[in-house]
Amino acid sequence: MKDDTKLAAKRRLARIEGQVRGIGKMIEDDRYCIDVVRQVQAIKAALSGLETVILDDHLATCVEHALTSDNVDDRREKVEELVAVLGGKKK
């Protein structure tokens, strides 16, 4: 993973951690359910954004390297990994 991606991912994770702690406090404070659900949705969106950052880096580094190499098995493996992850199946 590139250094700038690591930094961006760590920042996003710190923000997400704060959001999760905030939901814990909302539940403890018996806040309105829909407000809690909205915060859960915000966290899901933040996690999706993090996933995109990490996948973009993976495509630009590992996958690109495999696709430009002469190793057919490595190329196949990277494509199969992506299909499994994007298709929601475990490899």
PDB file of N, CA and C in Angstrom:
ATOM      1  N   MET A   1       0.854  -1.164   0.000  1.00  0.00           N
ATOM      2  CA  MET A   1       0.000   0.000   0.000  1.00  0.00           C
ATOM      3  C   MET A   1       0.907   1.236   0.000  1.00  0.00           C
ATOM      4  N   LYS A   2       0.547   2.205  -0.827  1.00  0.00           N
ATOM      5  CA  LYS A   2       1.333   3.435  -0.900  1.00  0.00           C
ATOM      6  C   LYS A   2       1.192   4.232   0.405  1.00  0.00           C
ATOM      7  N   ASP A   3       2.229   4.998   0.710  1.00  0.00           N
ATOM      8  CA  ASP A   3       2.244   5.766   1.960  1.00  0.00           C
ATOM      9  C   ASP A   3       1.076   6.734   2.062  1.00  0.00           C
ATOM     10  N   ASP A   4       0.740   7.417   0.962  1.00  0.00           N
ATOM     11  CA  ASP A   4      -0.367   8.373   1.021  1.00  0.00           C
ATOM     12  C   ASP A   4      -1.702   7.666   1.239  1.00  0.00           C
ATOM     13  N   THR A   5      -1.822   6.460   0.718  1.00  0.00           N
ATOM     14  CA  THR A   5      -3.042   5.680   0.938  1.00  0.00           C
ATOM     15  C   THR A   5      -3.128   5.245   2.396  1.00  0.00           C
ATOM     16  N   LYS A   6      -2.004   4.820   2.960  1.00  0.00           N
ATOM     17  CA  LYS A   6      -1.986   4.436   4.379  1.00  0.00           C
ATOM     18  C   LYS A   6      -2.431   5.597   5.255  1.00  0.00           C
ATOM     19  N   LEU A   7      -1.890   6.779   4.965  1.00  0.00           N
ATOM     20  CA  LEU A   7      -2.237   7.964   5.751  1.00  0.00           C
ATOM     21  C   LEU A   7      -3.725   8.290   5.615  1.00  0.00           C
ATOM     22  N   ALA A   8      -4.229   8.263   4.397  1.00  0.00           N
ATOM     23  CA  ALA A   8      -5.651   8.550   4.169  1.00  0.00           C
ATOM     24  C   ALA A   8      -6.527   7.516   4.869  1.00  0.00           C
ATOM     25  N   ALA A   9      -6.132   6.252   4.796  1.00  0.00           N
ATOM     26  CA  ALA A   9      -6.903   5.180   5.434  1.00  0.00           C
ATOM     27  C   ALA A   9      -6.900   5.345   6.949  1.00  0.00           C
ATOM     28  N   LYS A  10      -5.751   5.671   7.530  1.00  0.00           N
ATOM     29  CA  LYS A  10      -5.664   5.864   8.974  1.00  0.00           C
ATOM     30  C   LYS A  10      -6.532   7.035   9.433  1.00  0.00           C
ATOM     31  N   ARG A  11      -6.546   8.101   8.655  1.00  0.00           N
ATOM     32  CA  ARG A  11      -7.379   9.262   8.993  1.00  0.00           C
ATOM     33  C   ARG A  11      -8.856   8.903   8.935  1.00  0.00           C
ATOM     34  N   ARG A  12      -9.234   8.201   7.894  1.00  0.00           N
ATOM     35  CA  ARG A  12     -10.633   7.782   7.762  1.00  0.00           C
ATOM     36  C   ARG A  12     -11.035   6.855   8.908  1.00  0.00           C
ATOM     37  N   LEU A  13     -10.152   5.937   9.251  1.00  0.00           N
ATOM     38  CA  LEU A  13     -10.448   5.014  10.353  1.00  0.00           C
ATOM     39  C   LEU A  13     -10.602   5.748  11.679  1.00  0.00           C
ATOM     40  N   ALA A  14      -9.777   6.744  11.909  1.00  0.00           N
ATOM     41  CA  ALA A  14      -9.886   7.528  13.144  1.00  0.00           C
ATOM     42  C   ALA A  14     -11.245   8.225  13.204  1.00  0.00           C
ATOM     43  N   ARG A  15     -11.680   8.763  12.076  1.00  0.00           N
ATOM     44  CA  ARG A  15     -12.983   9.420  12.014  1.00  0.00           C
ATOM     45  C   ARG A  15     -14.103   8.419  12.265  1.00  0.00           C
ATOM     46  N   ILE A  16     -13.987   7.246  11.662  1.00  0.00           N
ATOM     47  CA  ILE A  16     -14.998   6.204  11.829  1.00  0.00           C
ATOM     48  C   ILE A  16     -15.047   5.729  13.280  1.00  0.00           C
ATOM     49  N   GLU A  17     -13.868   5.576  13.890  1.00  0.00           N
ATOM     50  CA  GLU A  17     -13.827   5.180  15.310  1.00  0.00           C
ATOM     51  C   GLU A  17     -14.577   6.187  16.179  1.00  0.00           C
ATOM     52  N   GLY A  18     -14.389   7.461  15.884  1.00  0.00           N
ATOM     53  CA  GLY A  18     -15.097   8.494  16.628  1.00  0.00           C
ATOM     54  C   GLY A  18     -16.601   8.409  16.425  1.00  0.00           C
ATOM     55  N   GLN A  19     -16.998   8.125  15.196  1.00  0.00           N
ATOM     56  CA  GLN A  19     -18.428   7.981  14.913  1.00  0.00           C
ATOM     57  C   GLN A  19     -19.021   6.801  15.675  1.00  0.00           C
ATOM     58  N   VAL A  20     -18.292   5.699  15.725  1.00  0.00           N
ATOM     59  CA  VAL A  20     -18.783   4.508  16.430  1.00  0.00           C
ATOM     60  C   VAL A  20     -18.911   4.802  17.925  1.00  0.00           C
ATOM     61  N   ARG A  21     -17.917   5.452  18.492  1.00  0.00           N
ATOM     62  CA  ARG A  21     -18.004   5.831  19.904  1.00  0.00           C
ATOM     63  C   ARG A  21     -19.200   6.762  20.141  1.00  0.00           C
ATOM     64  N   GLY A  22     -19.438   7.647  19.184  1.00  0.00           N
ATOM     65  CA  GLY A  22     -20.570   8.558  19.287  1.00  0.00           C
ATOM     66  C   GLY A  22     -21.902   7.823  19.306  1.00  0.00           C
ATOM     67  N   ILE A  23     -22.008   6.764  18.511  1.00  0.00           N
ATOM     68  CA  ILE A  23     -23.243   5.967  18.520  1.00  0.00           C
ATOM     69  C   ILE A  23     -23.412   5.279  19.867  1.00  0.00           C
ATOM     70  N   GLY A  24     -22.336   4.794  20.431  1.00  0.00           N
ATOM     71  CA  GLY A  24     -22.412   4.180  21.758  1.00  0.00           C
ATOM     72  C   GLY A  24     -22.967   5.158  22.776  1.00  0.00           C
ATOM     73  N   LYS A  25     -22.494   6.401  22.703  1.00  0.00           N
ATOM     74  CA  LYS A  25     -22.989   7.429  23.623  1.00  0.00           C
ATOM     75  C   LYS A  25     -24.454   7.750  23.341  1.00  0.00           C
ATOM     76  N   MET A  26     -24.818   7.796  22.070  1.00  0.00           N
ATOM     77  CA  MET A  26     -26.218   8.064  21.721  1.00  0.00           C
ATOM     78  C   MET A  26     -27.136   6.996  22.295  1.00  0.00           C
ATOM     79  N   ILE A  27     -26.710   5.756  22.194  1.00  0.00           N
ATOM     80  CA  ILE A  27     -27.520   4.657  22.728  1.00  0.00           C
ATOM     81  C   ILE A  27     -27.597   4.752  24.246  1.00  0.00           C
ATOM     82  N   GLU A  28     -26.453   5.030  24.869  1.00  0.00           N
ATOM     83  CA  GLU A  28     -26.425   5.182  26.321  1.00  0.00           C
ATOM     84  C   GLU A  28     -27.340   6.326  26.780  1.00  0.00           C
ATOM     85  N   ASP A  29     -27.376   7.389  25.989  1.00  0.00           N
ATOM     86  CA  ASP A  29     -28.202   8.559  26.321  1.00  0.00           C
ATOM     87  C   ASP A  29     -29.657   8.399  25.879  1.00  0.00           C
ATOM     88  N   ASP A  30     -29.985   7.219  25.346  1.00  0.00           N
ATOM     89  CA  ASP A  30     -31.347   6.915  24.908  1.00  0.00           C
ATOM     90  C   ASP A  30     -31.856   7.917  23.872  1.00  0.00           C
ATOM     91  N   ARG A  31     -30.991   8.189  22.885  1.00  0.00           N
ATOM     92  CA  ARG A  31     -31.353   9.130  21.831  1.00  0.00           C
ATOM     93  C   ARG A  31     -32.381   8.518  20.893  1.00  0.00           C
ATOM     94  N   TYR A  32     -33.048   9.362  20.149  1.00  0.00           N
ATOM     95  CA  TYR A  32     -34.093   8.964  19.213  1.00  0.00           C
ATOM     96  C   TYR A  32     -33.534   7.954  18.207  1.00  0.00           C
ATOM     97  N   CYS A  33     -34.249   6.856  18.029  1.00  0.00           N
ATOM     98  CA  CYS A  33     -33.770   5.730  17.216  1.00  0.00           C
ATOM     99  C   CYS A  33     -33.366   6.144  15.797  1.00  0.00           C
ATOM    100  N   ILE A  34     -34.166   6.983  15.173  1.00  0.00           N
ATOM    101  CA  ILE A  34     -33.861   7.381  13.801  1.00  0.00           C
ATOM    102  C   ILE A  34     -32.552   8.176  13.743  1.00  0.00           C
ATOM    103  N   ASP A  35     -32.274   8.968  14.754  1.00  0.00           N
ATOM    104  CA  ASP A  35     -30.993   9.676  14.801  1.00  0.00           C
ATOM    105  C   ASP A  35     -29.831   8.689  14.874  1.00  0.00           C
ATOM    106  N   VAL A  36     -30.010   7.629  15.660  1.00  0.00           N
ATOM    107  CA  VAL A  36     -28.978   6.595  15.773  1.00  0.00           C
ATOM    108  C   VAL A  36     -28.810   5.888  14.434  1.00  0.00           C
ATOM    109  N   VAL A  37     -29.915   5.550  13.801  1.00  0.00           N
ATOM    110  CA  VAL A  37     -29.861   4.864  12.499  1.00  0.00           C
ATOM    111  C   VAL A  37     -29.152   5.737  11.475  1.00  0.00           C
ATOM    112  N   ARG A  38     -29.421   7.026  11.490  1.00  0.00           N
ATOM    113  CA  ARG A  38     -28.743   7.930  10.542  1.00  0.00           C
ATOM    114  C   ARG A  38     -27.228   7.916  10.760  1.00  0.00           C
ATOM    115  N   GLN A  39     -26.811   7.845  12.002  1.00  0.00           N
ATOM    116  CA  GLN A  39     -25.382   7.777  12.289  1.00  0.00           C
ATOM    117  C   GLN A  39     -24.790   6.442  11.826  1.00  0.00           C
ATOM    118  N   VAL A  40     -25.546   5.375  11.989  1.00  0.00           N
ATOM    119  CA  VAL A  40     -25.096   4.064  11.494  1.00  0.00           C
ATOM    120  C   VAL A  40     -24.934   4.131   9.972  1.00  0.00           C
ATOM    121  N   GLN A  41     -25.881   4.764   9.295  1.00  0.00           N
ATOM    122  CA  GLN A  41     -25.781   4.907   7.841  1.00  0.00           C
ATOM    123  C   GLN A  41     -24.554   5.729   7.454  1.00  0.00           C
ATOM    124  N   ALA A  42     -24.265   6.754   8.237  1.00  0.00           N
ATOM    125  CA  ALA A  42     -23.086   7.577   7.958  1.00  0.00           C
ATOM    126  C   ALA A  42     -21.808   6.751   8.088  1.00  0.00           C
ATOM    127  N   ILE A  43     -21.772   5.883   9.083  1.00  0.00           N
ATOM    128  CA  ILE A  43     -20.607   5.021   9.265  1.00  0.00           C
ATOM    129  C   ILE A  43     -20.478   4.037   8.111  1.00  0.00           C
ATOM    130  N   LYS A  44     -21.601   3.479   7.673  1.00  0.00           N
ATOM    131  CA  LYS A  44     -21.558   2.562   6.531  1.00  0.00           C
ATOM    132  C   LYS A  44     -21.029   3.269   5.292  1.00  0.00           C
ATOM    133  N   ALA A  45     -21.440   4.514   5.085  1.00  0.00           N
ATOM    134  CA  ALA A  45     -20.941   5.286   3.945  1.00  0.00           C
ATOM    135  C   ALA A  45     -19.443   5.559   4.092  1.00  0.00           C
ATOM    136  N   ALA A  46     -19.012   5.877   5.306  1.00  0.00           N
ATOM    137  CA  ALA A  46     -17.589   6.121   5.552  1.00  0.00           C
ATOM    138  C   ALA A  46     -16.761   4.863   5.312  1.00  0.00           C
ATOM    139  N   LEU A  47     -17.278   3.715   5.731  1.00  0.00           N
ATOM    140  CA  LEU A  47     -16.570   2.449   5.491  1.00  0.00           C
ATOM    141  C   LEU A  47     -16.507   2.144   3.997  1.00  0.00           C
ATOM    142  N   SER A  48     -17.560   2.452   3.295  1.00  0.00           N
ATOM    143  CA  SER A  48     -17.565   2.251   1.844  1.00  0.00           C
ATOM    144  C   SER A  48     -16.510   3.134   1.179  1.00  0.00           C
ATOM    145  N   GLY A  49     -16.400   4.363   1.650  1.00  0.00           N
ATOM    146  CA  GLY A  49     -15.358   5.254   1.131  1.00  0.00           C
ATOM    147  C   GLY A  49     -13.968   4.734   1.413  1.00  0.00           C
ATOM    148  N   LEU A  50     -13.762   4.201   2.602  1.00  0.00           N
ATOM    149  CA  LEU A  50     -12.473   3.600   2.958  1.00  0.00           C
ATOM    150  C   LEU A  50     -12.175   2.410   2.048  1.00  0.00           C
ATOM    151  N   GLU A  51     -13.180   1.598   1.839  1.00  0.00           N
ATOM    152  CA  GLU A  51     -13.015   0.443   0.949  1.00  0.00           C
ATOM    153  C   GLU A  51     -12.585   0.898  -0.440  1.00  0.00           C
ATOM    154  N   THR A  52     -13.184   1.954  -0.939  1.00  0.00           N
ATOM    155  CA  THR A  52     -12.841   2.471  -2.263  1.00  0.00           C
ATOM    156  C   THR A  52     -11.392   2.943  -2.317  1.00  0.00           C
ATOM    157  N   VAL A  53     -10.951   3.648  -1.295  1.00  0.00           N
ATOM    158  CA  VAL A  53      -9.564   4.133  -1.235  1.00  0.00           C
ATOM    159  C   VAL A  53      -8.596   2.949  -1.281  1.00  0.00           C
ATOM    160  N   ILE A  54      -8.888   1.921  -0.504  1.00  0.00           N
ATOM    161  CA  ILE A  54      -7.996   0.759  -0.444  1.00  0.00           C
ATOM    162  C   ILE A  54      -8.024  -0.025  -1.753  1.00  0.00           C
ATOM    163  N   LEU A  55      -9.209  -0.204  -2.317  1.00  0.00           N
ATOM    164  CA  LEU A  55      -9.297  -0.919  -3.600  1.00  0.00           C
ATOM    165  C   LEU A  55      -8.601  -0.150  -4.721  1.00  0.00           C
ATOM    166  N   ASP A  56      -8.760   1.162  -4.748  1.00  0.00           N
ATOM    167  CA  ASP A  56      -8.077   1.966  -5.766  1.00  0.00           C
ATOM    168  C   ASP A  56      -6.565   1.787  -5.674  1.00  0.00           C
ATOM    169  N   ASP A  57      -6.046   1.796  -4.448  1.00  0.00           N
ATOM    170  CA  ASP A  57      -4.615   1.590  -4.257  1.00  0.00           C
ATOM    171  C   ASP A  57      -4.209   0.191  -4.721  1.00  0.00           C
ATOM    172  N   HIS A  58      -5.013  -0.793  -4.378  1.00  0.00           N
ATOM    173  CA  HIS A  58      -4.714  -2.176  -4.774  1.00  0.00           C
ATOM    174  C   HIS A  58      -4.678  -2.298  -6.298  1.00  0.00           C
ATOM    175  N   LEU A  59      -5.634  -1.663  -6.960  1.00  0.00           N
ATOM    176  CA  LEU A  59      -5.655  -1.701  -8.423  1.00  0.00           C
ATOM    177  C   LEU A  59      -4.425  -1.028  -9.022  1.00  0.00           C
ATOM    178  N   ALA A  60      -4.035   0.086  -8.431  1.00  0.00           N
ATOM    179  CA  ALA A  60      -2.911   0.856  -8.963  1.00  0.00           C
ATOM    180  C   ALA A  60      -1.557   0.229  -8.654  1.00  0.00           C
ATOM    181  N   THR A  61      -1.513  -0.664  -7.700  1.00  0.00           N
ATOM    182  CA  THR A  61      -0.235  -1.265  -7.326  1.00  0.00           C
ATOM    183  C   THR A  61      -0.219  -2.759  -7.647  1.00  0.00           C
ATOM    184  N   CYS A  62      -0.823  -3.553  -6.809  1.00  0.00           N
ATOM    185  CA  CYS A  62      -0.751  -5.016  -6.936  1.00  0.00           C
ATOM    186  C   CYS A  62      -1.335  -5.529  -8.251  1.00  0.00           C
ATOM    187  N   VAL A  63      -2.521  -5.064  -8.578  1.00  0.00           N
ATOM    188  CA  VAL A  63      -3.180  -5.577  -9.787  1.00  0.00           C
ATOM    189  C   VAL A  63      -2.449  -5.102 -11.033  1.00  0.00           C
ATOM    190  N   GLU A  64      -2.087  -3.832 -11.059  1.00  0.00           N
ATOM    191  CA  GLU A  64      -1.362  -3.318 -12.225  1.00  0.00           C
ATOM    192  C   GLU A  64      -0.050  -4.057 -12.416  1.00  0.00           C
ATOM    193  N   HIS A  65       0.654  -4.313 -11.333  1.00  0.00           N
ATOM    194  CA  HIS A  65       1.918  -5.053 -11.416  1.00  0.00           C
ATOM    195  C   HIS A  65       1.676  -6.452 -11.980  1.00  0.00           C
ATOM    196  N   ALA A  66       0.655  -7.122 -11.492  1.00  0.00           N
ATOM    197  CA  ALA A  66       0.362  -8.482 -11.968  1.00  0.00           C
ATOM    198  C   ALA A  66      -0.040  -8.474 -13.439  1.00  0.00           C
ATOM    199  N   LEU A  67      -0.845  -7.493 -13.840  1.00  0.00           N
ATOM    200  CA  LEU A  67      -1.320  -7.453 -15.227  1.00  0.00           C
ATOM    201  C   LEU A  67      -0.220  -7.122 -16.218  1.00  0.00           C
ATOM    202  N   THR A  68       0.808  -6.427 -15.776  1.00  0.00           N
ATOM    203  CA  THR A  68       1.907  -6.084 -16.687  1.00  0.00           C
ATOM    204  C   THR A  68       3.051  -7.089 -16.615  1.00  0.00           C
ATOM    205  N   SER A  69       2.929  -8.072 -15.735  1.00  0.00           N
ATOM    206  CA  SER A  69       3.989  -9.083 -15.624  1.00  0.00           C
ATOM    207  C   SER A  69       3.731 -10.216 -16.616  1.00  0.00           C
ATOM    208  N   ASP A  70       4.704 -11.084 -16.710  1.00  0.00           N
ATOM    209  CA  ASP A  70       4.583 -12.242 -17.588  1.00  0.00           C
ATOM    210  C   ASP A  70       3.993 -13.449 -16.877  1.00  0.00           C
ATOM    211  N   ASN A  71       3.703 -13.311 -15.594  1.00  0.00           N
ATOM    212  CA  ASN A  71       3.203 -14.421 -14.792  1.00  0.00           C
ATOM    213  C   ASN A  71       1.683 -14.535 -14.935  1.00  0.00           C
ATOM    214  N   VAL A  72       1.262 -15.473 -15.753  1.00  0.00           N
ATOM    215  CA  VAL A  72      -0.169 -15.658 -16.031  1.00  0.00           C
ATOM    216  C   VAL A  72      -0.920 -16.081 -14.772  1.00  0.00           C
ATOM    217  N   ASP A  73      -0.321 -16.912 -13.949  1.00  0.00           N
ATOM    218  CA  ASP A  73      -0.974 -17.361 -12.715  1.00  0.00           C
ATOM    219  C   ASP A  73      -1.225 -16.189 -11.765  1.00  0.00           C
ATOM    220  N   ASP A  74      -0.257 -15.285 -11.681  1.00  0.00           N
ATOM    221  CA  ASP A  74      -0.409 -14.110 -10.826  1.00  0.00           C
ATOM    222  C   ASP A  74      -1.535 -13.215 -11.349  1.00  0.00           C
ATOM    223  N   ARG A  75      -1.583 -13.024 -12.662  1.00  0.00           N
ATOM    224  CA  ARG A  75      -2.662 -12.223 -13.256  1.00  0.00           C
ATOM    225  C   ARG A  75      -4.019 -12.834 -12.952  1.00  0.00           C
ATOM    226  N   ARG A  76      -4.125 -14.130 -13.159  1.00  0.00           N
ATOM    227  CA  ARG A  76      -5.390 -14.837 -12.916  1.00  0.00           C
ATOM    228  C   ARG A  76      -5.799 -14.711 -11.442  1.00  0.00           C
ATOM    229  N   GLU A  77      -4.829 -14.884 -10.542  1.00  0.00           N
ATOM    230  CA  GLU A  77      -5.115 -14.806  -9.114  1.00  0.00           C
ATOM    231  C   GLU A  77      -5.668 -13.427  -8.731  1.00  0.00           C
ATOM    232  N   LYS A  78      -5.033 -12.356  -9.243  1.00  0.00           N
ATOM    233  CA  LYS A  78      -5.487 -11.004  -8.910  1.00  0.00           C
ATOM    234  C   LYS A  78      -6.898 -10.748  -9.438  1.00  0.00           C
ATOM    235  N   VAL A  79      -7.180 -11.196 -10.634  1.00  0.00           N
ATOM    236  CA  VAL A  79      -8.520 -11.015 -11.200  1.00  0.00           C
ATOM    237  C   VAL A  79      -9.543 -11.813 -10.398  1.00  0.00           C
ATOM    238  N   GLU A  80      -9.212 -13.035 -10.034  1.00  0.00           N
ATOM    239  CA  GLU A  80     -10.126 -13.861  -9.236  1.00  0.00           C
ATOM    240  C   GLU A  80     -10.379 -13.235  -7.869  1.00  0.00           C
ATOM    241  N   GLU A  81      -9.341 -12.674  -7.253  1.00  0.00           N
ATOM    242  CA  GLU A  81      -9.516 -11.989  -5.966  1.00  0.00           C
ATOM    243  C   GLU A  81     -10.500 -10.832  -6.095  1.00  0.00           C
ATOM    244  N   LEU A  82     -10.309 -10.032  -7.140  1.00  0.00           N
ATOM    245  CA  LEU A  82     -11.196  -8.881  -7.337  1.00  0.00           C
ATOM    246  C   LEU A  82     -12.638  -9.309  -7.579  1.00  0.00           C
ATOM    247  N   VAL A  83     -12.813 -10.327  -8.407  1.00  0.00           N
ATOM    248  CA  VAL A  83     -14.164 -10.825  -8.671  1.00  0.00           C
ATOM    249  C   VAL A  83     -14.804 -11.324  -7.383  1.00  0.00           C
ATOM    250  N   ALA A  84     -14.044 -12.034  -6.576  1.00  0.00           N
ATOM    251  CA  ALA A  84     -14.574 -12.563  -5.314  1.00  0.00           C
ATOM    252  C   ALA A  84     -14.931 -11.422  -4.359  1.00  0.00           C
ATOM    253  N   VAL A  85     -14.072 -10.422  -4.240  1.00  0.00           N
ATOM    254  CA  VAL A  85     -14.325  -9.317  -3.316  1.00  0.00           C
ATOM    255  C   VAL A  85     -15.481  -8.453  -3.808  1.00  0.00           C
ATOM    256  N   LEU A  86     -15.462  -8.105  -5.055  1.00  0.00           N
ATOM    257  CA  LEU A  86     -16.513  -7.230  -5.592  1.00  0.00           C
ATOM    258  C   LEU A  86     -17.841  -7.965  -5.739  1.00  0.00           C
ATOM    259  N   GLY A  87     -17.760  -9.270  -5.921  1.00  0.00           N
ATOM    260  CA  GLY A  87     -18.986 -10.067  -6.023  1.00  0.00           C
ATOM    261  C   GLY A  87     -19.502 -10.533  -4.682  1.00  0.00           C
ATOM    262  N   GLY A  88     -18.754 -10.255  -3.622  1.00  0.00           N
ATOM    263  CA  GLY A  88     -19.184 -10.602  -2.280  1.00  0.00           C
ATOM    264  C   GLY A  88     -18.959 -12.051  -1.903  1.00  0.00           C
ATOM    265  N   LYS A  89     -18.161 -12.751  -2.676  1.00  0.00           N
ATOM    266  CA  LYS A  89     -17.875 -14.155  -2.380  1.00  0.00           C
ATOM    267  C   LYS A  89     -16.514 -14.281  -1.737  1.00  0.00           C
ATOM    268  N   LYS A  90     -16.389 -15.207  -0.818  1.00  0.00           N
ATOM    269  CA  LYS A  90     -15.095 -15.455  -0.186  1.00  0.00           C
ATOM    270  C   LYS A  90     -14.278 -16.367  -1.058  1.00  0.00           C
ATOM    271  N   LYS A  91     -13.001 -16.047  -1.147  1.00  0.00           N
ATOM    272  CA  LYS A  91     -12.099 -16.888  -1.936  1.00  0.00           C
ATOM    273  C   LYS A  91     -11.547 -17.984  -1.082  1.00  0.00           C
TER     274      LYS A  91
END
